[in-house]
Amino acid sequence: MFKRLSMADEATSKNVTVVFEGQQIDTREGDTVAAALLAAGITTFRSTPISSSPRSPYCMMGVCFECLLEIDGVPNVQACQVQVRDGMRINPQRGARRLV
């Protein structure tokens, strides 16, 4: 579905491992959470509160809020605005969450 572009600095980039719903995903340092999950084939990030319709990242620049996830226990995090860190725990956001 999504394919990484070959980059000149690819050989020097560090690999990091994140955990999405208990599944380990290897990605590159510097990737956003949204880009890392999409590259791993994960396309549903959250579901809507009323109809439970699946949602995926749309704008990838922090405007649309379709990429909300729970990251390291914190709900309502925009995945396109956060860079991956080694050991990060990520879960989809299902339905409405309380505001923090």
N, C-alpha and C. Protein backbone atom coordinates (compact mmCIF):
# COMPACT_ATOMS: atom_id res chain seq x y z
N MET A 1 0.82 -1.18 0.00
CA MET A 1 0.00 0.00 0.00
C MET A 1 0.87 1.25 0.00
N PHE A 2 1.62 1.48 1.09
CA PHE A 2 2.53 2.61 1.14
C PHE A 2 3.94 2.08 0.96
N LYS A 3 4.78 2.84 0.26
CA LYS A 3 6.14 2.42 -0.01
C LYS A 3 7.09 3.55 0.35
N ARG A 4 8.16 3.20 1.05
CA ARG A 4 9.15 4.21 1.40
C ARG A 4 9.95 4.62 0.17
N LEU A 5 10.29 5.88 0.12
CA LEU A 5 11.19 6.35 -0.92
C LEU A 5 12.61 6.10 -0.47
N SER A 6 13.48 5.79 -1.40
CA SER A 6 14.88 5.58 -1.07
C SER A 6 15.51 6.93 -0.76
N MET A 7 16.19 7.01 0.39
CA MET A 7 16.79 8.27 0.81
C MET A 7 18.31 8.13 0.87
N ALA A 8 19.00 9.22 0.65
CA ALA A 8 20.46 9.19 0.66
C ALA A 8 21.01 8.83 2.03
N ASP A 9 20.33 9.26 3.10
CA ASP A 9 20.83 9.01 4.45
C ASP A 9 20.29 7.71 5.03
N GLU A 10 19.70 6.86 4.22
CA GLU A 10 19.08 5.62 4.68
C GLU A 10 20.08 4.70 5.39
N ALA A 11 21.31 4.66 4.91
CA ALA A 11 22.31 3.76 5.50
C ALA A 11 22.72 4.20 6.90
N THR A 12 22.59 5.48 7.19
CA THR A 12 23.00 5.99 8.50
C THR A 12 21.84 6.14 9.47
N SER A 13 20.61 5.93 9.02
CA SER A 13 19.48 6.10 9.92
C SER A 13 19.38 4.94 10.90
N LYS A 14 19.02 5.26 12.12
CA LYS A 14 18.94 4.28 13.20
C LYS A 14 17.55 3.64 13.19
N ASN A 15 17.50 2.32 13.42
CA ASN A 15 16.22 1.63 13.52
C ASN A 15 15.72 1.71 14.96
N VAL A 16 14.42 1.87 15.11
CA VAL A 16 13.79 1.85 16.42
C VAL A 16 12.61 0.89 16.35
N THR A 17 12.21 0.37 17.50
CA THR A 17 11.09 -0.55 17.58
C THR A 17 9.98 0.07 18.42
N VAL A 18 8.78 0.09 17.86
CA VAL A 18 7.60 0.54 18.60
C VAL A 18 6.64 -0.64 18.71
N VAL A 19 5.69 -0.54 19.62
CA VAL A 19 4.72 -1.62 19.82
C VAL A 19 3.32 -1.08 19.56
N PHE A 20 2.64 -1.65 18.57
CA PHE A 20 1.26 -1.26 18.25
C PHE A 20 0.35 -2.43 18.56
N GLU A 21 -0.52 -2.27 19.54
CA GLU A 21 -1.44 -3.32 19.98
C GLU A 21 -0.71 -4.64 20.25
N GLY A 22 0.45 -4.56 20.87
CA GLY A 22 1.22 -5.76 21.21
C GLY A 22 2.11 -6.28 20.10
N GLN A 23 2.03 -5.70 18.92
CA GLN A 23 2.83 -6.14 17.77
C GLN A 23 4.04 -5.22 17.62
N GLN A 24 5.23 -5.81 17.59
CA GLN A 24 6.45 -5.01 17.41
C GLN A 24 6.58 -4.57 15.96
N ILE A 25 6.93 -3.31 15.79
CA ILE A 25 7.11 -2.74 14.46
C ILE A 25 8.48 -2.06 14.41
N ASP A 26 9.30 -2.47 13.47
CA ASP A 26 10.60 -1.84 13.27
C ASP A 26 10.44 -0.68 12.30
N THR A 27 10.97 0.45 12.67
CA THR A 27 10.87 1.64 11.83
C THR A 27 12.15 2.45 11.95
N ARG A 28 12.17 3.61 11.35
CA ARG A 28 13.37 4.44 11.36
C ARG A 28 13.23 5.63 12.28
N GLU A 29 14.31 5.95 12.95
CA GLU A 29 14.34 7.15 13.77
C GLU A 29 14.05 8.35 12.88
N GLY A 30 13.23 9.26 13.38
CA GLY A 30 12.88 10.45 12.60
C GLY A 30 11.53 10.34 11.93
N ASP A 31 11.00 9.11 11.78
CA ASP A 31 9.66 8.94 11.23
C ASP A 31 8.62 9.46 12.22
N THR A 32 7.52 9.94 11.71
CA THR A 32 6.40 10.21 12.59
C THR A 32 5.71 8.89 12.88
N VAL A 33 4.92 8.86 13.94
CA VAL A 33 4.19 7.65 14.28
C VAL A 33 3.25 7.28 13.13
N ALA A 34 2.58 8.27 12.54
CA ALA A 34 1.67 8.00 11.43
C ALA A 34 2.40 7.38 10.25
N ALA A 35 3.54 7.93 9.87
CA ALA A 35 4.30 7.40 8.74
C ALA A 35 4.80 5.98 9.03
N ALA A 36 5.25 5.74 10.25
CA ALA A 36 5.75 4.41 10.62
C ALA A 36 4.64 3.36 10.54
N LEU A 37 3.47 3.69 11.07
CA LEU A 37 2.36 2.72 11.04
C LEU A 37 1.87 2.49 9.62
N LEU A 38 1.75 3.54 8.84
CA LEU A 38 1.32 3.37 7.45
C LEU A 38 2.32 2.52 6.66
N ALA A 39 3.61 2.74 6.88
CA ALA A 39 4.64 1.94 6.20
C ALA A 39 4.58 0.48 6.61
N ALA A 40 4.09 0.21 7.83
CA ALA A 40 3.95 -1.17 8.32
C ALA A 40 2.63 -1.81 7.89
N GLY A 41 1.82 -1.07 7.13
CA GLY A 41 0.56 -1.62 6.63
C GLY A 41 -0.63 -1.40 7.55
N ILE A 42 -0.47 -0.61 8.58
CA ILE A 42 -1.57 -0.32 9.51
C ILE A 42 -2.26 0.95 9.03
N THR A 43 -3.52 0.83 8.69
CA THR A 43 -4.22 1.98 8.12
C THR A 43 -5.37 2.50 8.99
N THR A 44 -5.86 1.72 9.95
CA THR A 44 -6.93 2.21 10.81
C THR A 44 -6.33 2.63 12.15
N PHE A 45 -6.47 3.91 12.46
CA PHE A 45 -5.88 4.46 13.67
C PHE A 45 -6.91 4.66 14.78
N ARG A 46 -8.12 5.01 14.40
CA ARG A 46 -9.14 5.27 15.41
C ARG A 46 -10.49 4.94 14.83
N SER A 47 -11.52 4.97 15.69
CA SER A 47 -12.89 4.82 15.22
C SER A 47 -13.71 5.97 15.77
N THR A 48 -14.77 6.33 15.06
CA THR A 48 -15.59 7.46 15.48
C THR A 48 -16.47 7.09 16.67
N PRO A 49 -16.80 8.05 17.51
CA PRO A 49 -17.60 7.76 18.70
C PRO A 49 -19.03 7.28 18.41
N ILE A 50 -19.66 7.76 17.38
CA ILE A 50 -21.07 7.44 17.13
C ILE A 50 -21.22 6.15 16.33
N SER A 51 -20.61 6.07 15.16
CA SER A 51 -20.83 4.93 14.27
C SER A 51 -19.71 3.90 14.29
N SER A 52 -18.63 4.17 14.99
CA SER A 52 -17.44 3.31 15.03
C SER A 52 -16.80 3.15 13.65
N SER A 53 -16.99 4.12 12.78
CA SER A 53 -16.35 4.09 11.46
C SER A 53 -14.84 4.20 11.61
N PRO A 54 -14.09 3.42 10.83
CA PRO A 54 -12.63 3.49 10.92
C PRO A 54 -12.11 4.79 10.31
N ARG A 55 -11.06 5.31 10.89
CA ARG A 55 -10.42 6.53 10.39
C ARG A 55 -8.92 6.30 10.25
N SER A 56 -8.35 7.00 9.26
CA SER A 56 -6.92 6.93 8.95
C SER A 56 -6.37 8.33 8.80
N PRO A 57 -5.05 8.48 8.84
CA PRO A 57 -4.47 9.80 8.62
C PRO A 57 -4.92 10.36 7.28
N TYR A 58 -5.14 11.65 7.26
CA TYR A 58 -5.61 12.30 6.04
C TYR A 58 -4.64 13.38 5.58
N CYS A 59 -4.41 14.38 6.41
CA CYS A 59 -3.60 15.51 5.96
C CYS A 59 -2.11 15.35 6.23
N MET A 60 -1.76 14.58 7.25
CA MET A 60 -0.36 14.35 7.66
C MET A 60 0.37 15.63 8.06
N MET A 61 -0.39 16.67 8.46
CA MET A 61 0.25 17.91 8.90
C MET A 61 -0.43 18.53 10.12
N GLY A 62 -1.28 17.76 10.81
CA GLY A 62 -1.83 18.22 12.06
C GLY A 62 -3.09 19.05 11.98
N VAL A 63 -3.75 19.08 10.84
CA VAL A 63 -4.94 19.91 10.69
C VAL A 63 -6.24 19.12 10.91
N CYS A 64 -6.30 17.87 10.48
CA CYS A 64 -7.58 17.16 10.41
C CYS A 64 -7.94 16.32 11.63
N PHE A 65 -7.03 15.92 12.47
CA PHE A 65 -7.27 15.12 13.67
C PHE A 65 -7.81 13.71 13.38
N GLU A 66 -7.61 13.19 12.19
CA GLU A 66 -8.03 11.82 11.86
C GLU A 66 -7.04 10.78 12.35
N CYS A 67 -5.85 11.18 12.74
CA CYS A 67 -4.80 10.24 13.12
C CYS A 67 -4.64 10.10 14.64
N LEU A 68 -5.68 10.44 15.40
CA LEU A 68 -5.57 10.36 16.86
C LEU A 68 -5.31 8.94 17.33
N LEU A 69 -4.36 8.79 18.22
CA LEU A 69 -3.99 7.51 18.82
C LEU A 69 -3.77 7.69 20.31
N GLU A 70 -3.66 6.59 21.01
CA GLU A 70 -3.20 6.60 22.39
C GLU A 70 -1.73 6.21 22.35
N ILE A 71 -0.87 7.11 22.78
CA ILE A 71 0.57 6.86 22.74
C ILE A 71 1.12 6.93 24.15
N ASP A 72 1.74 5.85 24.58
CA ASP A 72 2.30 5.73 25.93
C ASP A 72 1.27 6.11 26.99
N GLY A 73 0.03 5.66 26.79
CA GLY A 73 -1.03 5.88 27.76
C GLY A 73 -1.74 7.22 27.68
N VAL A 74 -1.31 8.08 26.78
CA VAL A 74 -1.91 9.41 26.63
C VAL A 74 -2.86 9.39 25.43
N PRO A 75 -4.18 9.63 25.65
CA PRO A 75 -5.13 9.62 24.54
C PRO A 75 -5.08 10.93 23.75
N ASN A 76 -5.72 10.92 22.59
CA ASN A 76 -5.91 12.11 21.75
C ASN A 76 -4.60 12.70 21.22
N VAL A 77 -3.64 11.85 20.90
CA VAL A 77 -2.35 12.32 20.38
C VAL A 77 -2.38 12.24 18.86
N GLN A 78 -2.00 13.33 18.20
CA GLN A 78 -1.94 13.34 16.74
C GLN A 78 -0.68 12.60 16.29
N ALA A 79 -0.87 11.46 15.67
CA ALA A 79 0.25 10.60 15.27
C ALA A 79 1.14 11.25 14.22
N CYS A 80 0.60 12.16 13.44
CA CYS A 80 1.41 12.80 12.40
C CYS A 80 2.32 13.89 12.97
N GLN A 81 2.16 14.21 14.25
CA GLN A 81 2.95 15.28 14.86
C GLN A 81 3.99 14.78 15.87
N VAL A 82 4.07 13.45 16.04
CA VAL A 82 4.97 12.87 17.04
C VAL A 82 5.97 11.94 16.36
N GLN A 83 7.25 12.12 16.68
CA GLN A 83 8.27 11.22 16.14
C GLN A 83 8.35 9.96 16.99
N VAL A 84 8.67 8.84 16.31
CA VAL A 84 8.78 7.57 17.02
C VAL A 84 9.98 7.60 17.97
N ARG A 85 9.82 6.87 19.08
CA ARG A 85 10.90 6.65 20.04
C ARG A 85 10.97 5.16 20.30
N ASP A 86 12.14 4.67 20.56
CA ASP A 86 12.32 3.25 20.82
C ASP A 86 11.49 2.83 22.04
N GLY A 87 10.70 1.78 21.88
CA GLY A 87 9.90 1.26 22.98
C GLY A 87 8.54 1.91 23.15
N MET A 88 8.21 2.86 22.29
CA MET A 88 6.93 3.55 22.38
C MET A 88 5.78 2.56 22.27
N ARG A 89 4.75 2.72 23.12
CA ARG A 89 3.57 1.85 23.10
C ARG A 89 2.40 2.63 22.51
N ILE A 90 1.82 2.06 21.46
CA ILE A 90 0.80 2.74 20.69
C ILE A 90 -0.45 1.86 20.61
N ASN A 91 -1.60 2.48 20.81
CA ASN A 91 -2.87 1.77 20.68
C ASN A 91 -3.84 2.61 19.88
N PRO A 92 -4.73 1.96 19.14
CA PRO A 92 -5.75 2.73 18.42
C PRO A 92 -6.70 3.39 19.41
N GLN A 93 -7.34 4.43 18.96
CA GLN A 93 -8.30 5.11 19.80
C GLN A 93 -9.70 4.74 19.32
N ARG A 94 -10.41 4.07 20.18
CA ARG A 94 -11.75 3.61 19.81
C ARG A 94 -12.80 4.45 20.51
N GLY A 95 -13.65 5.11 19.72
CA GLY A 95 -14.71 5.92 20.30
C GLY A 95 -14.21 7.19 20.95
N ALA A 96 -15.06 7.78 21.78
CA ALA A 96 -14.73 9.05 22.43
C ALA A 96 -13.77 8.83 23.59
N ARG A 97 -12.89 9.76 23.78
CA ARG A 97 -11.96 9.77 24.91
C ARG A 97 -12.16 11.04 25.69
N ARG A 98 -11.84 10.94 26.95
CA ARG A 98 -11.92 12.16 27.75
C ARG A 98 -10.74 13.07 27.38
N LEU A 99 -10.95 14.35 27.51
CA LEU A 99 -9.88 15.30 27.25
C LEU A 99 -8.95 15.33 28.43
N VAL A 100 -7.66 15.42 28.16
CA VAL A 100 -6.68 15.41 29.23
C VAL A 100 -6.31 16.83 29.59
